[in-house]
Amino acid sequence: MPQETAVYTHGHHESVLRSHTWRTAANSAGYLLDSLKPHMRILDIGCGPGTITADLAALVPDGQVTGLEYVPEVLAQARATAAGRGLDNVSFAVGDVHALDYPDDTFCVVHAHQVLQHVGDPVQALREMRRVTKPGGLVAVRDADYSAMTWYPEVAGMTDWQRLYLRVARANGGEPDAGRRLHAWARQAGFAPEAVTATAGTWCYRTPAERSWWSELWADRTVSSSYARIAVGSGHATREELDRISRAWRTWGAEEDGWFAVLHGEILCRV
């Protein structure tokens, strides 16, 4: 049976969860929301701390949402997020997107945000997502594209960050430029071209508060998360290089004219 072969680059360090808990259905799944109906049953793959999952549950009050994670360590936070909002139509489970433990035709919508960039076989993952989706249902996927991320001004060390991240993520078995590949992966997974709607979305960080938040979490992630440990342990960088890149993030964050854009690919696939 297929199973995960890639290593999750980020891990669940506080600096990572700081980013993940900011995510909402509105800022991370807007391309899907007009398709939701109150009765739907949804599988949210790679749910993390559960903020998007909880939003989806609130949008389908007569339905049911299941949040799925590959490792259990973050699910306590996800359950607390749902409980804090008084949601009784959401549950959480551990599972592998390459081999989902659900029967065929189980869900109305299968959703994955920032997941396929981290898995060993994104085409197999999409096949499984399609398998457990009911006929007429939707597979909805959104992923960032790291090579397409852009910023201003060009602070020394920021390009080094981008190049290093691409190397580490690919050495871990993932594809950090997943966003541009989603529509092609969907075709390889068996979706007819006319069944796939491919779009793009962005996050943009410009205000002083946005720049501070984005730059600080990446400065911390660069030296303190699983990414840092893997980068050093695998010989991709030294601690001194990571420290320099971390300082570059803080320098960029302090720039009055600072601007950073994250491009995402998005697909809605009709089963």
Protein backbone atom coordinates (compact mmCIF):
# COMPACT_ATOMS: atom_id res chain seq x y z
CA MET A 1 0.00 0.00 0.00
CA PRO A 2 1.43 3.46 -0.86
CA GLN A 3 2.70 5.45 2.09
CA GLU A 4 4.46 8.70 2.86
CA THR A 5 8.14 8.81 1.93
CA ALA A 6 8.85 12.54 2.28
CA VAL A 7 9.99 14.31 5.44
CA TYR A 8 7.84 17.25 6.53
CA THR A 9 10.24 20.17 6.19
CA HIS A 10 8.70 22.55 8.72
CA GLY A 11 7.69 20.40 11.68
CA HIS A 12 5.45 21.91 14.34
CA HIS A 13 7.73 24.38 16.10
CA GLU A 14 5.99 27.41 17.59
CA SER A 15 7.25 29.60 14.74
CA VAL A 16 5.52 27.26 12.27
CA LEU A 17 2.25 27.12 14.19
CA ARG A 18 2.36 30.92 14.49
CA SER A 19 1.90 30.94 10.73
CA HIS A 20 -0.56 28.05 10.53
CA THR A 21 -2.94 29.47 13.16
CA TRP A 22 -3.24 32.69 11.15
CA ARG A 23 -4.83 30.77 8.30
CA THR A 24 -8.59 30.93 7.82
CA ALA A 25 -11.00 29.65 5.23
CA ALA A 26 -11.28 33.21 3.95
CA ASN A 27 -7.56 33.86 3.45
CA SER A 28 -6.59 30.32 2.46
CA ALA A 29 -9.59 28.62 0.81
CA GLY A 30 -11.54 31.46 -0.74
CA TYR A 31 -11.61 29.73 -4.13
CA LEU A 32 -13.66 26.90 -2.57
CA LEU A 33 -16.16 28.75 -0.38
CA ASP A 34 -18.82 29.53 -3.00
CA SER A 35 -19.14 25.79 -3.68
CA LEU A 36 -19.96 24.81 -0.10
CA LYS A 37 -23.48 23.77 0.98
CA PRO A 38 -24.72 23.49 4.59
CA HIS A 39 -25.16 19.70 4.47
CA MET A 40 -21.75 18.75 3.08
CA ARG A 41 -19.35 16.20 4.51
CA ILE A 42 -15.76 17.47 4.18
CA LEU A 43 -12.33 15.91 4.68
CA ASP A 44 -9.64 18.52 5.48
CA ILE A 45 -6.24 16.90 4.85
CA GLY A 46 -3.21 18.35 6.63
CA CYS A 47 -5.44 20.24 9.04
CA GLY A 48 -2.62 21.33 11.38
CA PRO A 49 -3.92 23.40 14.31
CA GLY A 50 -7.42 23.31 12.86
CA THR A 51 -8.23 26.95 12.11
CA ILE A 52 -9.30 26.29 8.51
CA THR A 53 -11.03 23.08 9.60
CA ALA A 54 -13.08 24.95 12.18
CA ASP A 55 -14.07 27.59 9.64
CA LEU A 56 -15.21 24.90 7.21
CA ALA A 57 -17.27 23.26 9.97
CA ALA A 58 -18.97 26.58 10.72
CA LEU A 59 -19.84 26.92 7.02
CA VAL A 60 -21.51 23.47 6.84
CA PRO A 61 -23.62 23.50 10.04
CA ASP A 62 -25.75 20.56 8.90
CA GLY A 63 -22.75 18.61 7.68
CA GLN A 64 -19.61 17.08 9.15
CA VAL A 65 -15.91 17.94 8.82
CA THR A 66 -13.00 15.61 9.52
CA GLY A 67 -9.53 17.07 9.99
CA LEU A 68 -6.72 14.68 9.07
CA GLU A 69 -3.04 14.86 10.04
CA TYR A 70 -0.12 12.55 9.31
CA VAL A 71 1.22 12.86 12.87
CA PRO A 72 -0.88 13.31 16.02
CA GLU A 73 1.20 15.93 17.83
CA VAL A 74 -0.75 18.97 16.61
CA LEU A 75 -4.25 17.47 16.91
CA ALA A 76 -4.71 18.45 20.56
CA GLN A 77 -4.47 22.09 19.46
CA ALA A 78 -6.87 21.42 16.58
CA ARG A 79 -9.42 19.88 18.94
CA ALA A 80 -9.05 22.83 21.32
CA THR A 81 -9.63 25.24 18.41
CA ALA A 82 -12.90 23.51 17.48
CA ALA A 83 -14.04 23.18 21.10
CA GLY A 84 -13.31 26.85 21.76
CA ARG A 85 -15.69 27.76 18.96
CA GLY A 86 -18.41 25.43 20.23
CA LEU A 87 -18.41 23.28 17.09
CA ASP A 88 -19.90 19.82 17.45
CA ASN A 89 -19.73 18.79 13.76
CA VAL A 90 -15.95 18.40 13.52
CA SER A 91 -13.62 15.52 14.41
CA PHE A 92 -9.94 14.78 13.92
CA ALA A 93 -7.94 11.71 12.92
CA VAL A 94 -4.44 10.55 11.98
CA GLY A 95 -3.89 9.26 8.45
CA ASP A 96 -1.77 9.26 5.29
CA VAL A 97 -3.07 11.01 2.18
CA HIS A 98 -1.39 8.36 0.01
CA ALA A 99 -3.67 5.67 1.48
CA LEU A 100 -6.78 7.20 3.03
CA ASP A 101 -8.60 4.97 5.49
CA TYR A 102 -12.07 5.77 4.13
CA PRO A 103 -14.37 3.94 1.71
CA ASP A 104 -14.90 5.13 -1.84
CA ASP A 105 -17.38 7.99 -2.32
CA THR A 106 -17.40 9.12 1.32
CA PHE A 107 -17.03 12.92 1.19
CA CYS A 108 -18.65 15.78 -0.69
CA VAL A 109 -15.42 17.80 -0.59
CA VAL A 110 -11.83 16.76 0.04
CA HIS A 111 -9.63 19.75 0.78
CA ALA A 112 -5.86 20.14 1.22
CA HIS A 113 -4.05 23.39 1.92
CA GLN A 114 -0.23 23.50 1.66
CA VAL A 115 -0.03 19.70 1.66
CA LEU A 116 0.99 18.40 -1.75
CA GLN A 117 4.26 20.36 -1.68
CA HIS A 118 5.34 18.19 1.25
CA VAL A 119 4.33 14.68 0.12
CA GLY A 120 6.36 12.06 -1.71
CA ASP A 121 3.78 11.27 -4.40
CA PRO A 122 1.34 14.13 -5.02
CA VAL A 123 -0.31 12.33 -7.94
CA GLN A 124 -1.10 9.31 -5.76
CA ALA A 125 -2.39 11.69 -3.10
CA LEU A 126 -4.78 13.23 -5.63
CA ARG A 127 -5.91 9.78 -6.75
CA GLU A 128 -6.80 8.94 -3.17
CA MET A 129 -8.55 12.27 -2.66
CA ARG A 130 -10.57 11.57 -5.79
CA ARG A 131 -11.39 8.01 -4.68
CA VAL A 132 -12.97 9.06 -1.39
CA THR A 133 -14.96 11.91 -2.99
CA LYS A 134 -18.55 11.28 -4.03
CA PRO A 135 -19.50 11.57 -7.72
CA GLY A 136 -20.26 15.23 -8.35
CA GLY A 137 -18.12 16.27 -5.39
CA LEU A 138 -14.98 18.38 -5.32
CA VAL A 139 -11.29 17.92 -4.66
CA ALA A 140 -9.88 21.31 -3.64
CA VAL A 141 -6.14 21.93 -3.34
CA ARG A 142 -4.04 25.05 -2.76
CA ASP A 143 -0.25 25.13 -2.56
CA ALA A 144 2.41 27.81 -2.48
CA ASP A 145 5.11 28.19 -5.11
CA TYR A 146 8.41 29.13 -3.45
CA SER A 147 10.33 30.11 -6.59
CA ALA A 148 7.53 32.57 -7.41
CA MET A 149 7.70 34.30 -4.01
CA THR A 150 8.99 37.83 -4.45
CA TRP A 151 9.85 40.77 -2.23
CA TYR A 152 11.18 44.29 -2.09
CA PRO A 153 13.73 45.61 -1.31
CA GLU A 154 16.40 43.04 -2.12
CA VAL A 155 18.08 42.64 1.26
CA ALA A 156 21.33 40.66 1.22
CA GLY A 157 20.62 37.11 2.38
CA MET A 158 16.98 36.84 1.32
CA THR A 159 17.76 35.18 -2.01
CA ASP A 160 20.04 32.80 -0.08
CA TRP A 161 17.01 31.90 2.05
CA GLN A 162 14.92 31.09 -1.01
CA ARG A 163 17.64 28.96 -2.64
CA LEU A 164 18.37 27.10 0.59
CA TYR A 165 14.69 26.37 1.24
CA LEU A 166 14.27 24.93 -2.26
CA ARG A 167 17.27 22.62 -1.74
CA VAL A 168 16.16 21.41 1.69
CA ALA A 169 12.53 20.83 0.70
CA ARG A 170 13.50 18.83 -2.39
CA ALA A 171 16.07 16.80 -0.45
CA ASN A 172 13.24 15.94 1.95
CA GLY A 173 11.26 14.46 -0.94
CA GLY A 174 8.83 17.33 -1.50
CA GLU A 175 8.27 19.87 -4.29
CA PRO A 176 8.30 23.47 -3.02
CA ASP A 177 7.09 24.78 -6.40
CA ALA A 178 3.93 22.71 -6.15
CA GLY A 179 1.61 25.62 -6.94
CA ARG A 180 2.47 25.72 -10.64
CA ARG A 181 2.19 21.94 -10.95
CA LEU A 182 -1.24 21.32 -9.41
CA HIS A 183 -3.20 21.34 -12.66
CA ALA A 184 -0.71 18.94 -14.28
CA TRP A 185 -0.76 16.62 -11.27
CA ALA A 186 -4.58 16.58 -11.41
CA ARG A 187 -4.48 15.45 -15.04
CA GLN A 188 -1.94 12.74 -14.19
CA ALA A 189 -4.24 11.61 -11.36
CA GLY A 190 -7.03 10.97 -13.85
CA PHE A 191 -9.12 14.13 -13.77
CA ALA A 192 -10.37 15.18 -17.18
CA PRO A 193 -9.09 18.64 -18.22
CA GLU A 194 -12.65 20.02 -18.31
CA ALA A 195 -13.19 18.85 -14.72
CA VAL A 196 -10.34 21.00 -13.38
CA THR A 197 -10.56 24.72 -12.66
CA ALA A 198 -7.07 26.11 -12.05
CA THR A 199 -6.62 29.54 -10.48
CA ALA A 200 -4.06 31.48 -8.46
CA GLY A 201 -4.22 33.32 -5.16
CA THR A 202 -1.82 35.41 -3.13
CA TRP A 203 -0.87 36.47 0.35
CA CYS A 204 0.77 39.90 0.58
CA TYR A 205 2.59 41.38 3.59
CA ARG A 206 3.09 45.12 3.46
CA THR A 207 2.00 46.99 6.59
CA PRO A 208 4.42 47.36 9.53
CA ALA A 209 2.45 44.78 11.54
CA GLU A 210 2.32 42.33 8.62
CA ARG A 211 6.03 42.73 7.87
CA SER A 212 6.95 42.25 11.51
CA TRP A 213 4.83 39.12 11.87
CA TRP A 214 6.00 37.49 8.62
CA SER A 215 9.68 38.34 9.03
CA GLU A 216 9.87 37.32 12.70
CA LEU A 217 8.26 33.93 12.18
CA TRP A 218 10.64 33.17 9.31
CA ALA A 219 13.62 34.50 11.26
CA ASP A 220 12.71 32.14 14.10
CA ARG A 221 11.85 29.22 11.81
CA THR A 222 15.21 29.54 10.06
CA VAL A 223 17.17 28.85 13.25
CA SER A 224 14.79 26.98 15.58
CA SER A 225 12.43 24.68 13.66
CA SER A 226 12.82 21.20 12.16
CA TYR A 227 13.82 22.98 8.95
CA ALA A 228 16.92 24.36 10.72
CA ARG A 229 17.85 20.97 12.15
CA ILE A 230 17.44 19.27 8.77
CA ALA A 231 19.33 21.99 6.89
CA VAL A 232 22.35 21.65 9.16
CA GLY A 233 22.15 17.90 9.69
CA SER A 234 21.97 17.21 5.96
CA GLY A 235 24.88 19.50 5.16
CA HIS A 236 22.88 22.11 3.25
CA ALA A 237 23.89 24.96 5.58
CA THR A 238 25.91 25.76 8.66
CA ARG A 239 24.54 27.31 11.83
CA GLU A 240 26.40 30.48 10.92
CA GLU A 241 24.68 30.62 7.53
CA LEU A 242 21.28 30.13 9.13
CA ASP A 243 22.01 32.90 11.63
CA ARG A 244 22.91 35.22 8.76
CA ILE A 245 19.70 34.39 6.89
CA SER A 246 17.67 34.89 10.06
CA ARG A 247 19.18 38.36 10.46
CA ALA A 248 18.34 39.10 6.82
CA TRP A 249 14.69 38.38 7.50
CA ARG A 250 14.66 40.83 10.40
CA THR A 251 16.45 43.44 8.30
CA TRP A 252 13.84 43.08 5.56
CA GLY A 253 11.03 43.27 8.13
CA ALA A 254 12.33 46.63 9.35
CA GLU A 255 12.35 48.15 5.85
CA GLU A 256 9.76 50.91 5.58
CA ASP A 257 9.18 50.04 1.93
CA GLY A 258 9.13 46.29 2.55
CA TRP A 259 6.68 44.17 0.54
CA PHE A 260 6.42 40.37 0.22
CA ALA A 261 4.07 38.33 -1.99
CA VAL A 262 3.35 34.61 -1.82
CA LEU A 263 1.84 33.06 -4.98
CA HIS A 264 -0.38 29.97 -4.69
CA GLY A 265 -1.74 27.60 -7.27
CA GLU A 266 -5.33 26.45 -6.71
CA ILE A 267 -7.38 23.66 -8.27
CA LEU A 268 -11.04 22.71 -7.97
CA CYS A 269 -11.55 19.25 -9.47
CA ARG A 270 -15.06 17.90 -10.10
CA VAL A 271 -15.34 14.14 -9.56
